[in-house]
N, C-alpha and C. Protein backbone atom coordinates (compact mmCIF):
# COMPACT_ATOMS: atom_id res chain seq x y z
N UNK A 1 0.85 -1.18 0.00
CA UNK A 1 0.00 0.00 0.00
C UNK A 1 0.90 1.24 0.00
N UNK A 2 0.57 2.19 -0.85
CA UNK A 2 1.37 3.41 -0.93
C UNK A 2 1.19 4.25 0.33
N UNK A 3 2.14 5.16 0.54
CA UNK A 3 2.10 6.03 1.72
C UNK A 3 0.83 6.88 1.73
N UNK A 4 0.42 7.37 0.56
CA UNK A 4 -0.81 8.18 0.48
C UNK A 4 -2.01 7.34 0.91
N UNK A 5 -2.10 6.13 0.39
CA UNK A 5 -3.23 5.27 0.76
C UNK A 5 -3.21 4.93 2.25
N UNK A 6 -2.03 4.67 2.79
CA UNK A 6 -1.93 4.35 4.21
C UNK A 6 -2.38 5.54 5.05
N UNK A 7 -2.00 6.74 4.66
CA UNK A 7 -2.43 7.94 5.36
C UNK A 7 -3.95 8.10 5.29
N UNK A 8 -4.50 7.85 4.11
CA UNK A 8 -5.95 7.96 3.95
C UNK A 8 -6.68 6.92 4.79
N UNK A 9 -6.14 5.71 4.84
CA UNK A 9 -6.74 4.67 5.66
C UNK A 9 -6.67 5.04 7.13
N UNK A 10 -5.56 5.58 7.55
CA UNK A 10 -5.42 6.02 8.94
C UNK A 10 -6.39 7.16 9.26
N UNK A 11 -6.65 8.03 8.29
CA UNK A 11 -7.65 9.09 8.48
C UNK A 11 -9.03 8.47 8.72
N UNK A 12 -9.33 7.42 7.97
CA UNK A 12 -10.62 6.74 8.15
C UNK A 12 -10.70 6.12 9.55
N UNK A 13 -9.66 5.41 9.95
CA UNK A 13 -9.64 4.82 11.29
C UNK A 13 -9.82 5.89 12.37
N UNK A 14 -9.08 6.97 12.23
CA UNK A 14 -9.16 8.06 13.21
C UNK A 14 -10.56 8.67 13.25
N UNK A 15 -11.20 8.73 12.09
CA UNK A 15 -12.57 9.27 12.03
C UNK A 15 -13.52 8.41 12.85
N UNK A 16 -13.39 7.10 12.74
CA UNK A 16 -14.24 6.20 13.52
C UNK A 16 -13.96 6.34 15.02
N UNK A 17 -12.71 6.49 15.37
CA UNK A 17 -12.35 6.62 16.78
C UNK A 17 -12.98 7.87 17.40
N UNK A 18 -13.16 8.91 16.61
CA UNK A 18 -13.72 10.16 17.11
C UNK A 18 -15.23 10.13 17.33
N UNK A 19 -15.91 9.12 16.82
CA UNK A 19 -17.37 9.05 16.94
C UNK A 19 -17.74 8.82 18.41
N UNK A 20 -18.61 9.68 18.91
CA UNK A 20 -18.93 9.67 20.33
C UNK A 20 -20.20 8.89 20.68
N UNK A 21 -21.16 8.83 19.76
CA UNK A 21 -22.42 8.17 20.08
C UNK A 21 -23.09 7.65 18.82
N UNK A 22 -24.19 6.93 18.99
CA UNK A 22 -24.89 6.31 17.88
C UNK A 22 -25.37 7.32 16.86
N UNK A 23 -25.90 8.44 17.29
CA UNK A 23 -26.41 9.45 16.36
C UNK A 23 -25.28 10.03 15.51
N UNK A 24 -24.15 10.32 16.13
CA UNK A 24 -23.00 10.83 15.38
C UNK A 24 -22.50 9.78 14.38
N UNK A 25 -22.52 8.52 14.79
CA UNK A 25 -22.12 7.43 13.90
C UNK A 25 -23.07 7.33 12.71
N UNK A 26 -24.35 7.42 12.99
CA UNK A 26 -25.37 7.37 11.94
C UNK A 26 -25.17 8.50 10.93
N UNK A 27 -24.94 9.70 11.43
CA UNK A 27 -24.73 10.85 10.55
C UNK A 27 -23.46 10.69 9.72
N UNK A 28 -22.38 10.21 10.35
CA UNK A 28 -21.12 10.03 9.64
C UNK A 28 -21.26 8.98 8.54
N UNK A 29 -21.84 7.83 8.88
CA UNK A 29 -22.00 6.77 7.89
C UNK A 29 -22.96 7.17 6.77
N UNK A 30 -23.97 7.95 7.09
CA UNK A 30 -24.88 8.45 6.06
C UNK A 30 -24.18 9.35 5.06
N UNK A 31 -23.23 10.13 5.54
CA UNK A 31 -22.44 10.98 4.66
C UNK A 31 -21.39 10.19 3.88
N UNK A 32 -20.80 9.21 4.53
CA UNK A 32 -19.68 8.47 3.96
C UNK A 32 -20.10 7.42 2.94
N UNK A 33 -21.21 6.73 3.19
CA UNK A 33 -21.61 5.57 2.39
C UNK A 33 -22.92 5.79 1.65
N UNK A 34 -23.06 5.09 0.54
CA UNK A 34 -24.36 5.05 -0.13
C UNK A 34 -25.25 4.11 0.67
N UNK A 35 -26.54 4.14 0.41
CA UNK A 35 -27.45 3.24 1.12
C UNK A 35 -27.13 1.78 0.81
N UNK A 36 -26.68 1.50 -0.41
CA UNK A 36 -26.31 0.13 -0.79
C UNK A 36 -25.05 -0.33 -0.05
N UNK A 37 -24.08 0.56 0.09
CA UNK A 37 -22.87 0.22 0.83
C UNK A 37 -23.18 -0.02 2.30
N UNK A 38 -24.02 0.81 2.86
CA UNK A 38 -24.42 0.64 4.26
C UNK A 38 -25.17 -0.68 4.45
N UNK A 39 -26.05 -1.01 3.51
CA UNK A 39 -26.79 -2.27 3.58
C UNK A 39 -25.83 -3.46 3.51
N UNK A 40 -24.82 -3.38 2.63
CA UNK A 40 -23.86 -4.48 2.51
C UNK A 40 -23.07 -4.66 3.81
N UNK A 41 -22.63 -3.56 4.40
CA UNK A 41 -21.90 -3.65 5.66
C UNK A 41 -22.77 -4.21 6.77
N UNK A 42 -24.01 -3.77 6.80
CA UNK A 42 -24.96 -4.24 7.81
C UNK A 42 -25.19 -5.74 7.68
N UNK A 43 -25.35 -6.21 6.46
CA UNK A 43 -25.57 -7.64 6.22
C UNK A 43 -24.36 -8.46 6.65
N UNK A 44 -23.16 -7.98 6.35
CA UNK A 44 -21.95 -8.70 6.74
C UNK A 44 -21.81 -8.76 8.26
N UNK A 45 -22.08 -7.65 8.91
CA UNK A 45 -22.00 -7.62 10.37
C UNK A 45 -23.03 -8.56 10.99
N UNK A 46 -24.25 -8.54 10.46
CA UNK A 46 -25.31 -9.42 10.97
C UNK A 46 -24.92 -10.88 10.75
N UNK A 47 -24.37 -11.19 9.57
CA UNK A 47 -23.94 -12.56 9.27
C UNK A 47 -22.87 -13.01 10.25
N UNK A 48 -21.92 -12.15 10.53
CA UNK A 48 -20.86 -12.49 11.48
C UNK A 48 -21.44 -12.77 12.86
N UNK A 49 -22.36 -11.95 13.27
CA UNK A 49 -23.00 -12.13 14.58
C UNK A 49 -23.73 -13.47 14.64
N UNK A 50 -24.44 -13.81 13.57
CA UNK A 50 -25.16 -15.08 13.52
C UNK A 50 -24.19 -16.26 13.57
N UNK A 51 -23.09 -16.18 12.82
CA UNK A 51 -22.08 -17.25 12.83
C UNK A 51 -21.47 -17.41 14.22
N UNK A 52 -21.14 -16.31 14.85
CA UNK A 52 -20.57 -16.35 16.20
C UNK A 52 -21.54 -17.00 17.18
N UNK A 53 -22.83 -16.79 16.94
CA UNK A 53 -23.86 -17.36 17.81
C UNK A 53 -24.26 -18.78 17.41
N UNK A 54 -23.51 -19.39 16.46
CA UNK A 54 -23.71 -20.81 16.15
C UNK A 54 -24.67 -21.14 15.02
N UNK A 55 -25.13 -20.13 14.28
CA UNK A 55 -26.03 -20.41 13.16
C UNK A 55 -25.28 -21.11 12.03
N UNK A 56 -25.99 -21.93 11.26
CA UNK A 56 -25.39 -22.61 10.11
C UNK A 56 -25.33 -21.65 8.93
N UNK A 57 -24.53 -22.01 7.91
CA UNK A 57 -24.45 -21.20 6.70
C UNK A 57 -25.83 -20.98 6.12
N UNK A 58 -26.60 -22.05 6.02
CA UNK A 58 -27.93 -21.93 5.39
C UNK A 58 -28.84 -21.00 6.20
N UNK A 59 -28.80 -21.10 7.50
CA UNK A 59 -29.61 -20.20 8.33
C UNK A 59 -29.18 -18.75 8.13
N UNK A 60 -27.87 -18.53 8.05
CA UNK A 60 -27.37 -17.16 7.87
C UNK A 60 -27.79 -16.62 6.50
N UNK A 61 -27.65 -17.42 5.46
CA UNK A 61 -28.07 -16.98 4.12
C UNK A 61 -29.55 -16.66 4.10
N UNK A 62 -30.35 -17.51 4.73
CA UNK A 62 -31.81 -17.27 4.77
C UNK A 62 -32.16 -15.98 5.51
N UNK A 63 -31.43 -15.67 6.56
CA UNK A 63 -31.73 -14.50 7.37
C UNK A 63 -31.15 -13.20 6.81
N UNK A 64 -30.06 -13.31 6.03
CA UNK A 64 -29.38 -12.09 5.58
C UNK A 64 -29.45 -11.84 4.09
N UNK A 65 -29.72 -12.88 3.31
CA UNK A 65 -29.74 -12.77 1.85
C UNK A 65 -28.39 -12.41 1.25
N UNK A 66 -27.28 -12.68 1.94
CA UNK A 66 -25.98 -12.43 1.35
C UNK A 66 -25.57 -13.64 0.52
N UNK A 67 -24.66 -13.42 -0.40
CA UNK A 67 -24.21 -14.51 -1.26
C UNK A 67 -23.34 -15.49 -0.47
N UNK A 68 -23.24 -16.69 -0.99
CA UNK A 68 -22.40 -17.69 -0.32
C UNK A 68 -20.94 -17.27 -0.35
N UNK A 69 -20.51 -16.56 -1.39
CA UNK A 69 -19.13 -16.08 -1.47
C UNK A 69 -18.86 -15.05 -0.37
N UNK A 70 -19.79 -14.13 -0.17
CA UNK A 70 -19.64 -13.14 0.89
C UNK A 70 -19.66 -13.80 2.25
N UNK A 71 -20.54 -14.77 2.42
CA UNK A 71 -20.62 -15.48 3.69
C UNK A 71 -19.32 -16.24 3.97
N UNK A 72 -18.74 -16.83 2.93
CA UNK A 72 -17.47 -17.54 3.11
C UNK A 72 -16.39 -16.57 3.59
N UNK A 73 -16.37 -15.38 3.03
CA UNK A 73 -15.38 -14.36 3.44
C UNK A 73 -15.62 -13.94 4.88
N UNK A 74 -16.88 -13.70 5.24
CA UNK A 74 -17.21 -13.32 6.61
C UNK A 74 -16.82 -14.45 7.57
N UNK A 75 -17.14 -15.68 7.18
CA UNK A 75 -16.85 -16.83 8.03
C UNK A 75 -15.34 -16.97 8.25
N UNK A 76 -14.56 -16.78 7.20
CA UNK A 76 -13.10 -16.85 7.32
C UNK A 76 -12.60 -15.81 8.32
N UNK A 77 -13.16 -14.62 8.25
CA UNK A 77 -12.76 -13.55 9.18
C UNK A 77 -13.20 -13.85 10.60
N UNK A 78 -14.37 -14.44 10.76
CA UNK A 78 -14.84 -14.81 12.10
C UNK A 78 -13.91 -15.86 12.69
N UNK A 79 -13.50 -16.83 11.86
CA UNK A 79 -12.65 -17.91 12.35
C UNK A 79 -11.20 -17.49 12.57
N UNK A 80 -10.66 -16.67 11.67
CA UNK A 80 -9.24 -16.37 11.70
C UNK A 80 -8.89 -14.93 12.04
N UNK A 81 -9.87 -14.07 12.00
CA UNK A 81 -9.60 -12.66 12.24
C UNK A 81 -9.79 -12.28 13.69
N UNK A 82 -9.63 -11.01 13.95
CA UNK A 82 -9.76 -10.50 15.31
C UNK A 82 -10.90 -9.48 15.43
N UNK A 83 -11.21 -8.81 14.34
CA UNK A 83 -12.15 -7.70 14.39
C UNK A 83 -13.57 -8.07 14.79
N UNK A 84 -14.16 -8.99 14.04
CA UNK A 84 -15.55 -9.36 14.34
C UNK A 84 -15.67 -9.88 15.77
N UNK A 85 -14.79 -10.79 16.14
CA UNK A 85 -14.87 -11.40 17.46
C UNK A 85 -14.69 -10.41 18.59
N UNK A 86 -13.78 -9.47 18.43
CA UNK A 86 -13.55 -8.51 19.51
C UNK A 86 -14.72 -7.56 19.67
N UNK A 87 -15.46 -7.33 18.60
CA UNK A 87 -16.59 -6.40 18.65
C UNK A 87 -17.90 -7.11 18.99
N UNK A 88 -18.10 -8.32 18.46
CA UNK A 88 -19.41 -8.97 18.54
C UNK A 88 -19.57 -10.04 19.61
N UNK A 89 -18.51 -10.55 20.16
CA UNK A 89 -18.65 -11.59 21.17
C UNK A 89 -19.50 -11.11 22.33
N UNK A 90 -20.40 -12.00 22.78
CA UNK A 90 -21.27 -11.72 23.92
C UNK A 90 -22.20 -10.54 23.71
N UNK A 91 -22.65 -10.35 22.48
CA UNK A 91 -23.60 -9.26 22.19
C UNK A 91 -24.90 -9.86 21.76
């Protein structure tokens, strides 16, 4: 990743860190994302939560309508990543 891209990514991370409450987060994401992008993120987060809570692939697909390819990516991150688990465990 180029230095410019890394700086831009860090700006994004820092922007999220500055969010103080749900309303501010809602306003920020409404400005930052299209409704389709927000829906995609929401579906992935919901799928991760369902997987963490023991739902099967088929149950998750039925509840979220995400593609099997997207679900496979989410599942890989749930199993091997740190982000979803640190945020969603016990929720």
